[in-house]
Amino acid sequence: MSAVAAAPGATDATPPDLAGLQPLPTLKSRWPLVVGIVFTVAMLVGLGYQLWTAGLPALARSVPGSPLFYVAFVVLYAVPPLFDYAIFHRLWGIPVAGLVALTKKRIANDVLFGYSGEAYFYAWARGRAKMVAAPFGAVKDVSILSALSGHAMTLGLIGLVVPFGHAFLKPEWFHGILAVGVVSVAMSLPFLVFSRRVFSLDRAQLWRIFWLHCGRILAGWLMTGLVWHFALPAVAVAMWLLLVAVKQIVSRLPFVPNKDLLFANLAALLIGHATPISRLVTMVSVGTLLVHLILVVGFGLHHLFSRKPVLRSPA
């Protein structure tokens, strides 16, 4: 009889360890706390520097007046952590408070470099050993499936955009887009060929997570298009579709910090620096950075003032 079955009060409703590993004893090391502090400080420094270089005056001059723009912007910002919460709530049953850690994960990935957010989230989950027995396998699988779904959706978007891009793109841009498609296929194949050795979760869970990632990407595309449309409703839908494709391609670049600002620069090169479209794209990118900064500071202050004092027993 297993230890779980033999434990008093155990029931069939006890969730299994989805990572396929045995539960760990209490976490004695404090390294997850150290990792969390280091990432928080790094995010603050990176955000401050990027906001300074991007230029807050340009943000103030480009603010749209439509209320629907701000509604769509808030929903767009919330899409990644909400879909991540749906995934990890199903896997681990994490509480709503886990949205804070998932938002920090999103900020770290945007501001620092690719998959730094996964390292932060793993440290967060590892520090809650009673809730999550062995988080590495699940975090790894979710991250790989995020990349695979991103590659698959990029290929689909390239196939959709190429027929409409002749009026906007130069031939060399087409060559670059096709090269990204080839790279996406090449990066996905090893994980598909060796899937049994790579993944820890069962096949049904993997497919569920994959489709949730695809839904997250589709929701992001839709909300991005609505944000831009509500700010500049006179611009053709084909132009927004092209820019969404460029943004998705940029998102697949590994180890690139702040892909939103990189996308803004590429969009300016593509359609010109002084156009309302390029100013809007830059404004949305800088606005996202500003929200990152506000949230990181807010989370830090909340943690600082909500900590319980440690009572030491007299010697």
C-alpha atoms as a PDB file:
ATOM      1  CA  MET A   1       0.000   0.000   0.000  1.00  0.00           C
ATOM      2  CA  SER A   2       1.346   3.405  -0.947  1.00  0.00           C
ATOM      3  CA  ALA A   3       2.089   6.105   1.596  1.00  0.00           C
ATOM      4  CA  VAL A   4      -0.807   8.196   0.340  1.00  0.00           C
ATOM      5  CA  ALA A   5      -3.279   5.370   0.647  1.00  0.00           C
ATOM      6  CA  ALA A   6      -2.048   4.452   4.101  1.00  0.00           C
ATOM      7  CA  ALA A   7      -2.244   7.993   5.438  1.00  0.00           C
ATOM      8  CA  PRO A   8      -5.185   8.600   7.774  1.00  0.00           C
ATOM      9  CA  GLY A   9      -7.991  10.586   6.212  1.00  0.00           C
ATOM     10  CA  ALA A  10      -6.712  10.044   2.648  1.00  0.00           C
ATOM     11  CA  THR A  11      -9.407   9.927  -0.008  1.00  0.00           C
ATOM     12  CA  ASP A  12      -9.639   9.132  -3.697  1.00  0.00           C
ATOM     13  CA  ALA A  13      -9.973  12.880  -4.317  1.00  0.00           C
ATOM     14  CA  THR A  14      -6.332  13.454  -3.452  1.00  0.00           C
ATOM     15  CA  PRO A  15      -4.799  14.926  -6.613  1.00  0.00           C
ATOM     16  CA  PRO A  16      -1.916  12.873  -8.047  1.00  0.00           C
ATOM     17  CA  ASP A  17       1.510  14.337  -8.650  1.00  0.00           C
ATOM     18  CA  LEU A  18       1.136  15.377 -12.243  1.00  0.00           C
ATOM     19  CA  ALA A  19       4.849  15.707 -12.811  1.00  0.00           C
ATOM     20  CA  GLY A  20       5.291  12.009 -12.155  1.00  0.00           C
ATOM     21  CA  LEU A  21       7.677  12.495  -9.231  1.00  0.00           C
ATOM     22  CA  GLN A  22       7.418  11.774  -5.530  1.00  0.00           C
ATOM     23  CA  PRO A  23       6.460  14.625  -3.177  1.00  0.00           C
ATOM     24  CA  LEU A  24       9.358  16.420  -1.597  1.00  0.00           C
ATOM     25  CA  PRO A  25       9.826  17.006   2.116  1.00  0.00           C
ATOM     26  CA  THR A  26       9.594  20.521   3.474  1.00  0.00           C
ATOM     27  CA  LEU A  27      11.797  22.984   1.666  1.00  0.00           C
ATOM     28  CA  LYS A  28      14.682  23.901   3.945  1.00  0.00           C
ATOM     29  CA  SER A  29      16.686  25.990   1.544  1.00  0.00           C
ATOM     30  CA  ARG A  30      15.837  29.670   1.075  1.00  0.00           C
ATOM     31  CA  TRP A  31      17.118  29.852  -2.491  1.00  0.00           C
ATOM     32  CA  PRO A  32      13.619  30.354  -4.018  1.00  0.00           C
ATOM     33  CA  LEU A  33      13.226  33.516  -1.925  1.00  0.00           C
ATOM     34  CA  VAL A  34      16.658  34.736  -3.064  1.00  0.00           C
ATOM     35  CA  VAL A  35      15.822  34.015  -6.707  1.00  0.00           C
ATOM     36  CA  GLY A  36      12.532  35.900  -6.381  1.00  0.00           C
ATOM     37  CA  ILE A  37      14.251  38.947  -4.879  1.00  0.00           C
ATOM     38  CA  VAL A  38      16.975  38.943  -7.544  1.00  0.00           C
ATOM     39  CA  PHE A  39      14.435  38.751 -10.373  1.00  0.00           C
ATOM     40  CA  THR A  40      12.291  41.493  -8.827  1.00  0.00           C
ATOM     41  CA  VAL A  41      15.268  43.864  -8.524  1.00  0.00           C
ATOM     42  CA  ALA A  42      16.408  42.987 -12.058  1.00  0.00           C
ATOM     43  CA  MET A  43      12.909  43.693 -13.406  1.00  0.00           C
ATOM     44  CA  LEU A  44      12.805  47.071 -11.670  1.00  0.00           C
ATOM     45  CA  VAL A  45      16.209  48.093 -13.049  1.00  0.00           C
ATOM     46  CA  GLY A  46      15.404  46.835 -16.543  1.00  0.00           C
ATOM     47  CA  LEU A  47      12.006  48.525 -16.630  1.00  0.00           C
ATOM     48  CA  GLY A  48      13.354  51.843 -15.412  1.00  0.00           C
ATOM     49  CA  TYR A  49      16.126  51.847 -18.010  1.00  0.00           C
ATOM     50  CA  GLN A  50      13.851  50.858 -20.884  1.00  0.00           C
ATOM     51  CA  LEU A  51      11.207  53.432 -19.985  1.00  0.00           C
ATOM     52  CA  TRP A  52      13.906  56.094 -19.781  1.00  0.00           C
ATOM     53  CA  THR A  53      15.342  55.222 -23.203  1.00  0.00           C
ATOM     54  CA  ALA A  54      11.921  54.750 -24.870  1.00  0.00           C
ATOM     55  CA  GLY A  55      10.795  58.228 -23.870  1.00  0.00           C
ATOM     56  CA  LEU A  56       7.790  58.941 -21.694  1.00  0.00           C
ATOM     57  CA  PRO A  57       7.064  62.303 -23.455  1.00  0.00           C
ATOM     58  CA  ALA A  58       6.357  60.370 -26.664  1.00  0.00           C
ATOM     59  CA  LEU A  59       3.894  58.231 -24.725  1.00  0.00           C
ATOM     60  CA  ALA A  60       2.049  61.299 -23.406  1.00  0.00           C
ATOM     61  CA  ARG A  61       1.730  62.827 -26.902  1.00  0.00           C
ATOM     62  CA  SER A  62       0.277  59.652 -28.432  1.00  0.00           C
ATOM     63  CA  VAL A  63      -2.435  58.760 -25.914  1.00  0.00           C
ATOM     64  CA  PRO A  64      -5.706  57.862 -27.729  1.00  0.00           C
ATOM     65  CA  GLY A  65      -9.008  59.294 -26.564  1.00  0.00           C
ATOM     66  CA  SER A  66     -11.310  56.287 -27.141  1.00  0.00           C
ATOM     67  CA  PRO A  67     -12.365  54.500 -23.905  1.00  0.00           C
ATOM     68  CA  LEU A  68     -12.598  51.238 -25.849  1.00  0.00           C
ATOM     69  CA  PHE A  69      -8.853  51.474 -26.474  1.00  0.00           C
ATOM     70  CA  TYR A  70      -8.141  51.292 -22.729  1.00  0.00           C
ATOM     71  CA  VAL A  71     -10.601  48.444 -22.169  1.00  0.00           C
ATOM     72  CA  ALA A  72      -8.964  46.438 -24.943  1.00  0.00           C
ATOM     73  CA  PHE A  73      -5.492  47.316 -23.633  1.00  0.00           C
ATOM     74  CA  VAL A  74      -6.319  46.011 -20.129  1.00  0.00           C
ATOM     75  CA  VAL A  75      -7.745  42.786 -21.546  1.00  0.00           C
ATOM     76  CA  LEU A  76      -4.706  42.386 -23.810  1.00  0.00           C
ATOM     77  CA  TYR A  77      -2.363  42.778 -20.841  1.00  0.00           C
ATOM     78  CA  ALA A  78      -4.326  40.235 -18.783  1.00  0.00           C
ATOM     79  CA  VAL A  79      -4.501  37.540 -21.475  1.00  0.00           C
ATOM     80  CA  PRO A  80      -1.129  35.765 -20.805  1.00  0.00           C
ATOM     81  CA  PRO A  81      -1.430  35.409 -17.008  1.00  0.00           C
ATOM     82  CA  LEU A  82      -5.106  34.422 -17.225  1.00  0.00           C
ATOM     83  CA  PHE A  83      -4.411  31.597 -19.674  1.00  0.00           C
ATOM     84  CA  ASP A  84      -1.382  30.507 -17.618  1.00  0.00           C
ATOM     85  CA  TYR A  85      -3.629  30.459 -14.557  1.00  0.00           C
ATOM     86  CA  ALA A  86      -6.132  28.242 -16.400  1.00  0.00           C
ATOM     87  CA  ILE A  87      -3.307  25.816 -17.178  1.00  0.00           C
ATOM     88  CA  PHE A  88      -1.692  25.650 -13.749  1.00  0.00           C
ATOM     89  CA  HIS A  89      -4.989  25.750 -11.863  1.00  0.00           C
ATOM     90  CA  ARG A  90      -5.974  22.601 -13.750  1.00  0.00           C
ATOM     91  CA  LEU A  91      -2.583  20.988 -13.070  1.00  0.00           C
ATOM     92  CA  TRP A  92      -1.961  22.012  -9.469  1.00  0.00           C
ATOM     93  CA  GLY A  93      -5.110  23.704  -8.195  1.00  0.00           C
ATOM     94  CA  ILE A  94      -3.218  26.945  -7.498  1.00  0.00           C
ATOM     95  CA  PRO A  95      -5.294  29.681  -5.801  1.00  0.00           C
ATOM     96  CA  VAL A  96      -6.229  32.996  -7.389  1.00  0.00           C
ATOM     97  CA  ALA A  97      -3.225  34.493  -5.571  1.00  0.00           C
ATOM     98  CA  GLY A  98      -1.088  32.568  -8.051  1.00  0.00           C
ATOM     99  CA  LEU A  99      -2.049  35.195 -10.651  1.00  0.00           C
ATOM    100  CA  VAL A 100       0.480  37.522  -9.003  1.00  0.00           C
ATOM    101  CA  ALA A 101       3.309  35.035  -9.570  1.00  0.00           C
ATOM    102  CA  LEU A 102       2.119  34.403 -13.142  1.00  0.00           C
ATOM    103  CA  THR A 103       2.013  38.149 -13.827  1.00  0.00           C
ATOM    104  CA  LYS A 104       5.582  38.455 -12.528  1.00  0.00           C
ATOM    105  CA  LYS A 105       6.481  35.538 -14.794  1.00  0.00           C
ATOM    106  CA  ARG A 106       5.087  37.442 -17.781  1.00  0.00           C
ATOM    107  CA  ILE A 107       6.953  40.629 -16.772  1.00  0.00           C
ATOM    108  CA  ALA A 108      10.263  38.789 -16.367  1.00  0.00           C
ATOM    109  CA  ASN A 109       9.895  37.198 -19.814  1.00  0.00           C
ATOM    110  CA  ASP A 110       9.086  40.572 -21.386  1.00  0.00           C
ATOM    111  CA  VAL A 111      11.724  42.666 -19.643  1.00  0.00           C
ATOM    112  CA  LEU A 112      14.683  40.367 -18.991  1.00  0.00           C
ATOM    113  CA  PHE A 113      15.074  37.492 -21.452  1.00  0.00           C
ATOM    114  CA  GLY A 114      13.160  34.480 -22.694  1.00  0.00           C
ATOM    115  CA  TYR A 115      12.235  31.876 -20.054  1.00  0.00           C
ATOM    116  CA  SER A 116      13.553  33.956 -17.134  1.00  0.00           C
ATOM    117  CA  GLY A 117       9.902  34.119 -16.098  1.00  0.00           C
ATOM    118  CA  GLU A 118       9.725  30.339 -16.052  1.00  0.00           C
ATOM    119  CA  ALA A 119      12.744  30.297 -13.709  1.00  0.00           C
ATOM    120  CA  TYR A 120      10.977  32.748 -11.402  1.00  0.00           C
ATOM    121  CA  PHE A 121       7.722  30.792 -11.478  1.00  0.00           C
ATOM    122  CA  TYR A 122       9.542  27.523 -10.811  1.00  0.00           C
ATOM    123  CA  ALA A 123      11.165  29.126  -7.757  1.00  0.00           C
ATOM    124  CA  TRP A 124       7.736  30.348  -6.626  1.00  0.00           C
ATOM    125  CA  ALA A 125       6.194  26.884  -7.021  1.00  0.00           C
ATOM    126  CA  ARG A 126       9.225  25.158  -5.481  1.00  0.00           C
ATOM    127  CA  GLY A 127       8.864  27.319  -2.394  1.00  0.00           C
ATOM    128  CA  ARG A 128       5.319  25.966  -1.928  1.00  0.00           C
ATOM    129  CA  ALA A 129       6.198  22.286  -1.682  1.00  0.00           C
ATOM    130  CA  LYS A 130       2.998  21.470   0.203  1.00  0.00           C
ATOM    131  CA  MET A 131       0.910  22.698  -2.739  1.00  0.00           C
ATOM    132  CA  VAL A 132       3.194  21.576  -5.561  1.00  0.00           C
ATOM    133  CA  ALA A 133       5.118  18.372  -4.995  1.00  0.00           C
ATOM    134  CA  ALA A 134       7.521  18.442  -7.946  1.00  0.00           C
ATOM    135  CA  PRO A 135       6.989  21.453 -10.206  1.00  0.00           C
ATOM    136  CA  PHE A 136       9.931  21.101 -12.594  1.00  0.00           C
ATOM    137  CA  GLY A 137       8.342  18.544 -14.951  1.00  0.00           C
ATOM    138  CA  ALA A 138       5.112  20.494 -15.358  1.00  0.00           C
ATOM    139  CA  VAL A 139       6.799  23.911 -15.760  1.00  0.00           C
ATOM    140  CA  LYS A 140       9.130  22.398 -18.364  1.00  0.00           C
ATOM    141  CA  ASP A 141       6.285  20.806 -20.325  1.00  0.00           C
ATOM    142  CA  VAL A 142       4.151  23.961 -20.258  1.00  0.00           C
ATOM    143  CA  SER A 143       7.112  26.038 -21.467  1.00  0.00           C
ATOM    144  CA  ILE A 144       7.921  23.664 -24.326  1.00  0.00           C
ATOM    145  CA  LEU A 145       4.282  23.518 -25.387  1.00  0.00           C
ATOM    146  CA  SER A 146       4.143  27.315 -25.297  1.00  0.00           C
ATOM    147  CA  ALA A 147       7.031  27.409 -27.771  1.00  0.00           C
ATOM    148  CA  LEU A 148       5.518  24.688 -29.984  1.00  0.00           C
ATOM    149  CA  SER A 149       2.124  26.396 -30.103  1.00  0.00           C
ATOM    150  CA  GLY A 150       3.858  29.700 -30.886  1.00  0.00           C
ATOM    151  CA  HIS A 151       5.722  28.119 -33.791  1.00  0.00           C
ATOM    152  CA  ALA A 152       2.558  26.449 -35.105  1.00  0.00           C
ATOM    153  CA  MET A 153       0.519  29.641 -34.897  1.00  0.00           C
ATOM    154  CA  THR A 154       3.339  31.617 -36.517  1.00  0.00           C
ATOM    155  CA  LEU A 155       3.323  29.253 -39.488  1.00  0.00           C
ATOM    156  CA  GLY A 156      -0.452  29.594 -39.808  1.00  0.00           C
ATOM    157  CA  LEU A 157      -0.259  33.378 -39.607  1.00  0.00           C
ATOM    158  CA  ILE A 158       2.500  33.508 -42.231  1.00  0.00           C
ATOM    159  CA  GLY A 159       0.294  31.490 -44.573  1.00  0.00           C
ATOM    160  CA  LEU A 160      -2.545  33.926 -43.948  1.00  0.00           C
ATOM    161  CA  VAL A 161      -0.530  37.135 -44.263  1.00  0.00           C
ATOM    162  CA  VAL A 162       1.726  36.452 -47.248  1.00  0.00           C
ATOM    163  CA  PRO A 163      -1.124  36.742 -49.820  1.00  0.00           C
ATOM    164  CA  PHE A 164      -2.083  40.159 -48.379  1.00  0.00           C
ATOM    165  CA  GLY A 165       1.367  41.595 -47.822  1.00  0.00           C
ATOM    166  CA  HIS A 166       2.413  42.463 -51.376  1.00  0.00           C
ATOM    167  CA  ALA A 167       1.101  46.020 -51.062  1.00  0.00           C
ATOM    168  CA  PHE A 168       3.113  46.705 -47.908  1.00  0.00           C
ATOM    169  CA  LEU A 169       6.265  44.560 -47.920  1.00  0.00           C
ATOM    170  CA  LYS A 170       9.459  44.681 -49.924  1.00  0.00           C
ATOM    171  CA  PRO A 171      10.757  41.388 -51.400  1.00  0.00           C
ATOM    172  CA  GLU A 172      13.512  41.110 -48.779  1.00  0.00           C
ATOM    173  CA  TRP A 173      10.877  41.230 -46.030  1.00  0.00           C
ATOM    174  CA  PHE A 174       9.124  38.268 -47.609  1.00  0.00           C
ATOM    175  CA  HIS A 175      12.400  36.349 -47.571  1.00  0.00           C
ATOM    176  CA  GLY A 176      12.804  37.098 -43.874  1.00  0.00           C
ATOM    177  CA  ILE A 177       9.248  35.959 -43.078  1.00  0.00           C
ATOM    178  CA  LEU A 178       9.747  32.709 -44.975  1.00  0.00           C
ATOM    179  CA  ALA A 179      13.048  32.158 -43.173  1.00  0.00           C
ATOM    180  CA  VAL A 180      11.232  32.483 -39.837  1.00  0.00           C
ATOM    181  CA  GLY A 181       8.798  29.811 -41.018  1.00  0.00           C
ATOM    182  CA  VAL A 182      11.635  27.425 -41.824  1.00  0.00           C
ATOM    183  CA  VAL A 183      13.284  28.088 -38.457  1.00  0.00           C
ATOM    184  CA  SER A 184       9.975  27.486 -36.655  1.00  0.00           C
ATOM    185  CA  VAL A 185       9.643  24.066 -38.278  1.00  0.00           C
ATOM    186  CA  ALA A 186      13.284  23.191 -37.530  1.00  0.00           C
ATOM    187  CA  MET A 187      12.956  24.185 -33.852  1.00  0.00           C
ATOM    188  CA  SER A 188       9.749  22.184 -33.382  1.00  0.00           C
ATOM    189  CA  LEU A 189      10.798  18.905 -34.970  1.00  0.00           C
ATOM    190  CA  PRO A 190      13.174  17.616 -32.220  1.00  0.00           C
ATOM    191  CA  PHE A 191      10.487  18.008 -29.537  1.00  0.00           C
ATOM    192  CA  LEU A 192       7.960  16.167 -31.694  1.00  0.00           C
ATOM    193  CA  VAL A 193      10.314  13.341 -32.658  1.00  0.00           C
ATOM    194  CA  PHE A 194      11.547  12.730 -29.099  1.00  0.00           C
ATOM    195  CA  SER A 195       8.307  13.644 -27.346  1.00  0.00           C
ATOM    196  CA  ARG A 196       8.250  10.529 -25.142  1.00  0.00           C
ATOM    197  CA  ARG A 197      11.619  11.403 -23.658  1.00  0.00           C
ATOM    198  CA  VAL A 198      11.003  15.142 -23.416  1.00  0.00           C
ATOM    199  CA  PHE A 199       7.587  15.408 -21.755  1.00  0.00           C
ATOM    200  CA  SER A 200       6.546  14.373 -18.237  1.00  0.00           C
ATOM    201  CA  LEU A 201       2.767  14.847 -18.404  1.00  0.00           C
ATOM    202  CA  ASP A 202       0.404  12.402 -20.076  1.00  0.00           C
ATOM    203  CA  ARG A 203      -0.796  12.887 -23.632  1.00  0.00           C
ATOM    204  CA  ALA A 204      -4.285  14.158 -22.741  1.00  0.00           C
ATOM    205  CA  GLN A 205      -2.839  16.857 -20.494  1.00  0.00           C
ATOM    206  CA  LEU A 206      -0.287  17.846 -23.130  1.00  0.00           C
ATOM    207  CA  TRP A 207      -2.967  18.330 -25.786  1.00  0.00           C
ATOM    208  CA  ARG A 208      -5.135  20.329 -23.382  1.00  0.00           C
ATOM    209  CA  ILE A 209      -2.234  22.630 -22.546  1.00  0.00           C
ATOM    210  CA  PHE A 210      -1.296  22.978 -26.225  1.00  0.00           C
ATOM    211  CA  TRP A 211      -4.800  24.123 -27.183  1.00  0.00           C
ATOM    212  CA  LEU A 212      -4.927  26.535 -24.258  1.00  0.00           C
ATOM    213  CA  HIS A 213      -1.670  28.077 -25.499  1.00  0.00           C
ATOM    214  CA  CYS A 214      -3.164  28.363 -28.990  1.00  0.00           C
ATOM    215  CA  GLY A 215      -6.215  30.054 -27.478  1.00  0.00           C
ATOM    216  CA  ARG A 216      -3.942  32.467 -25.610  1.00  0.00           C
ATOM    217  CA  ILE A 217      -2.167  33.406 -28.841  1.00  0.00           C
ATOM    218  CA  LEU A 218      -5.429  33.876 -30.745  1.00  0.00           C
ATOM    219  CA  ALA A 219      -6.843  36.019 -27.944  1.00  0.00           C
ATOM    220  CA  GLY A 220      -3.648  38.080 -27.972  1.00  0.00           C
ATOM    221  CA  TRP A 221      -3.905  38.628 -31.726  1.00  0.00           C
ATOM    222  CA  LEU A 222      -7.556  39.643 -31.463  1.00  0.00           C
ATOM    223  CA  MET A 223      -7.012  42.065 -28.587  1.00  0.00           C
ATOM    224  CA  THR A 224      -3.898  43.549 -30.231  1.00  0.00           C
ATOM    225  CA  GLY A 225      -5.901  44.230 -33.387  1.00  0.00           C
ATOM    226  CA  LEU A 226      -8.728  45.791 -31.347  1.00  0.00           C
ATOM    227  CA  VAL A 227      -6.316  48.010 -29.399  1.00  0.00           C
ATOM    228  CA  TRP A 228      -4.875  49.347 -32.636  1.00  0.00           C
ATOM    229  CA  HIS A 229      -8.281  49.607 -34.346  1.00  0.00           C
ATOM    230  CA  PHE A 230      -9.876  51.606 -31.512  1.00  0.00           C
ATOM    231  CA  ALA A 231      -6.938  54.029 -31.609  1.00  0.00           C
ATOM    232  CA  LEU A 232      -6.830  54.397 -35.417  1.00  0.00           C
ATOM    233  CA  PRO A 233     -10.133  53.094 -36.862  1.00  0.00           C
ATOM    234  CA  ALA A 234      -9.420  54.434 -40.360  1.00  0.00           C
ATOM    235  CA  VAL A 235      -6.418  52.132 -40.955  1.00  0.00           C
ATOM    236  CA  ALA A 236      -7.063  49.109 -43.184  1.00  0.00           C
ATOM    237  CA  VAL A 237      -7.455  45.702 -41.527  1.00  0.00           C
ATOM    238  CA  ALA A 238      -4.769  44.296 -43.849  1.00  0.00           C
ATOM    239  CA  MET A 239      -2.192  46.623 -42.285  1.00  0.00           C
ATOM    240  CA  TRP A 240      -3.106  45.486 -38.761  1.00  0.00           C
ATOM    241  CA  LEU A 241      -2.919  41.858 -39.895  1.00  0.00           C
ATOM    242  CA  LEU A 242       0.546  42.465 -41.292  1.00  0.00           C
ATOM    243  CA  LEU A 243       1.718  44.124 -38.072  1.00  0.00           C
ATOM    244  CA  VAL A 244       0.269  41.294 -35.965  1.00  0.00           C
ATOM    245  CA  ALA A 245       2.304  38.877 -38.095  1.00  0.00           C
ATOM    246  CA  VAL A 246       5.485  40.904 -37.563  1.00  0.00           C
ATOM    247  CA  LYS A 247       4.784  41.049 -33.813  1.00  0.00           C
ATOM    248  CA  GLN A 248       4.281  37.278 -33.665  1.00  0.00           C
ATOM    249  CA  ILE A 249       7.508  36.680 -35.586  1.00  0.00           C
ATOM    250  CA  VAL A 250       9.407  38.925 -33.175  1.00  0.00           C
ATOM    251  CA  SER A 251       7.907  37.003 -30.249  1.00  0.00           C
ATOM    252  CA  ARG A 252       9.591  33.821 -31.496  1.00  0.00           C
ATOM    253  CA  LEU A 253      13.101  35.303 -31.274  1.00  0.00           C
ATOM    254  CA  PRO A 254      14.983  33.629 -28.403  1.00  0.00           C
ATOM    255  CA  PHE A 255      16.917  35.457 -25.665  1.00  0.00           C
ATOM    256  CA  VAL A 256      15.719  38.920 -26.741  1.00  0.00           C
ATOM    257  CA  PRO A 257      14.748  41.277 -23.892  1.00  0.00           C
ATOM    258  CA  ASN A 258      11.694  43.481 -24.361  1.00  0.00           C
ATOM    259  CA  LYS A 259      10.377  42.190 -27.652  1.00  0.00           C
ATOM    260  CA  ASP A 260       7.627  44.836 -27.637  1.00  0.00           C
ATOM    261  CA  LEU A 261      10.161  47.637 -28.100  1.00  0.00           C
ATOM    262  CA  LEU A 262      12.005  45.612 -30.735  1.00  0.00           C
ATOM    263  CA  PHE A 263       8.708  45.167 -32.566  1.00  0.00           C
ATOM    264  CA  ALA A 264       8.024  48.917 -32.320  1.00  0.00           C
ATOM    265  CA  ASN A 265      11.397  49.642 -33.933  1.00  0.00           C
ATOM    266  CA  LEU A 266      10.796  47.116 -36.715  1.00  0.00           C
ATOM    267  CA  ALA A 267       7.323  48.538 -37.353  1.00  0.00           C
ATOM    268  CA  ALA A 268       8.834  52.022 -37.637  1.00  0.00           C
ATOM    269  CA  LEU A 269      11.352  50.731 -40.195  1.00  0.00           C
ATOM    270  CA  LEU A 270       8.573  48.987 -42.084  1.00  0.00           C
ATOM    271  CA  ILE A 271       6.049  51.824 -42.313  1.00  0.00           C
ATOM    272  CA  GLY A 272       8.081  54.917 -41.404  1.00  0.00           C
ATOM    273  CA  HIS A 273       8.960  56.674 -38.154  1.00  0.00           C
ATOM    274  CA  ALA A 274       6.649  59.694 -38.440  1.00  0.00           C
ATOM    275  CA  THR A 275       3.394  57.906 -39.284  1.00  0.00           C
ATOM    276  CA  PRO A 276       0.467  57.694 -36.825  1.00  0.00           C
ATOM    277  CA  ILE A 277       0.696  53.888 -36.983  1.00  0.00           C
ATOM    278  CA  SER A 278       4.339  53.753 -35.887  1.00  0.00           C
ATOM    279  CA  ARG A 279       3.652  56.266 -33.098  1.00  0.00           C
ATOM    280  CA  LEU A 280       0.711  54.158 -31.920  1.00  0.00           C
ATOM    281  CA  VAL A 281       2.758  50.945 -31.894  1.00  0.00           C
ATOM    282  CA  THR A 282       5.509  52.668 -29.918  1.00  0.00           C
ATOM    283  CA  MET A 283       2.974  54.131 -27.493  1.00  0.00           C
ATOM    284  CA  VAL A 284       1.406  50.698 -26.823  1.00  0.00           C
ATOM    285  CA  SER A 285       4.840  49.149 -26.267  1.00  0.00           C
ATOM    286  CA  VAL A 286       5.939  51.886 -23.862  1.00  0.00           C
ATOM    287  CA  GLY A 287       2.541  51.786 -22.141  1.00  0.00           C
ATOM    288  CA  THR A 288       3.002  48.051 -21.543  1.00  0.00           C
ATOM    289  CA  LEU A 289       6.384  48.771 -19.967  1.00  0.00           C
ATOM    290  CA  LEU A 290       4.805  51.400 -17.744  1.00  0.00           C
ATOM    291  CA  VAL A 291       2.162  48.931 -16.542  1.00  0.00           C
ATOM    292  CA  HIS A 292       4.948  46.407 -15.863  1.00  0.00           C
ATOM    293  CA  LEU A 293       6.739  48.949 -13.706  1.00  0.00           C
ATOM    294  CA  ILE A 294       3.609  49.952 -11.773  1.00  0.00           C
ATOM    295  CA  LEU A 295       2.740  46.318 -11.049  1.00  0.00           C
ATOM    296  CA  VAL A 296       6.249  45.335  -9.964  1.00  0.00           C
ATOM    297  CA  VAL A 297       6.416  48.285  -7.563  1.00  0.00           C
ATOM    298  CA  GLY A 298       2.889  47.538  -6.318  1.00  0.00           C
ATOM    299  CA  PHE A 299       3.643  43.866  -5.735  1.00  0.00           C
ATOM    300  CA  GLY A 300       6.835  44.756  -3.901  1.00  0.00           C
ATOM    301  CA  LEU A 301       5.125  47.264  -1.610  1.00  0.00           C
ATOM    302  CA  HIS A 302       2.286  44.848  -0.871  1.00  0.00           C
ATOM    303  CA  HIS A 303       4.757  42.112   0.049  1.00  0.00           C
ATOM    304  CA  LEU A 304       6.764  44.512   2.210  1.00  0.00           C
ATOM    305  CA  PHE A 305       3.804  45.775   4.241  1.00  0.00           C
ATOM    306  CA  SER A 306       1.946  42.460   4.481  1.00  0.00           C
ATOM    307  CA  ARG A 307       4.849  40.417   5.883  1.00  0.00           C
ATOM    308  CA  LYS A 308       4.222  39.057   9.326  1.00  0.00           C
ATOM    309  CA  PRO A 309       6.936  39.766  11.911  1.00  0.00           C
ATOM    310  CA  VAL A 310       8.992  36.774  12.966  1.00  0.00           C
ATOM    311  CA  LEU A 311       8.651  36.083  16.706  1.00  0.00           C
ATOM    312  CA  ARG A 312      11.790  34.685  18.263  1.00  0.00           C
ATOM    313  CA  SER A 313      11.570  32.645  21.425  1.00  0.00           C
ATOM    314  CA  PRO A 314      13.754  33.864  24.311  1.00  0.00           C
ATOM    315  CA  ALA A 315      17.036  32.030  24.791  1.00  0.00           C
END
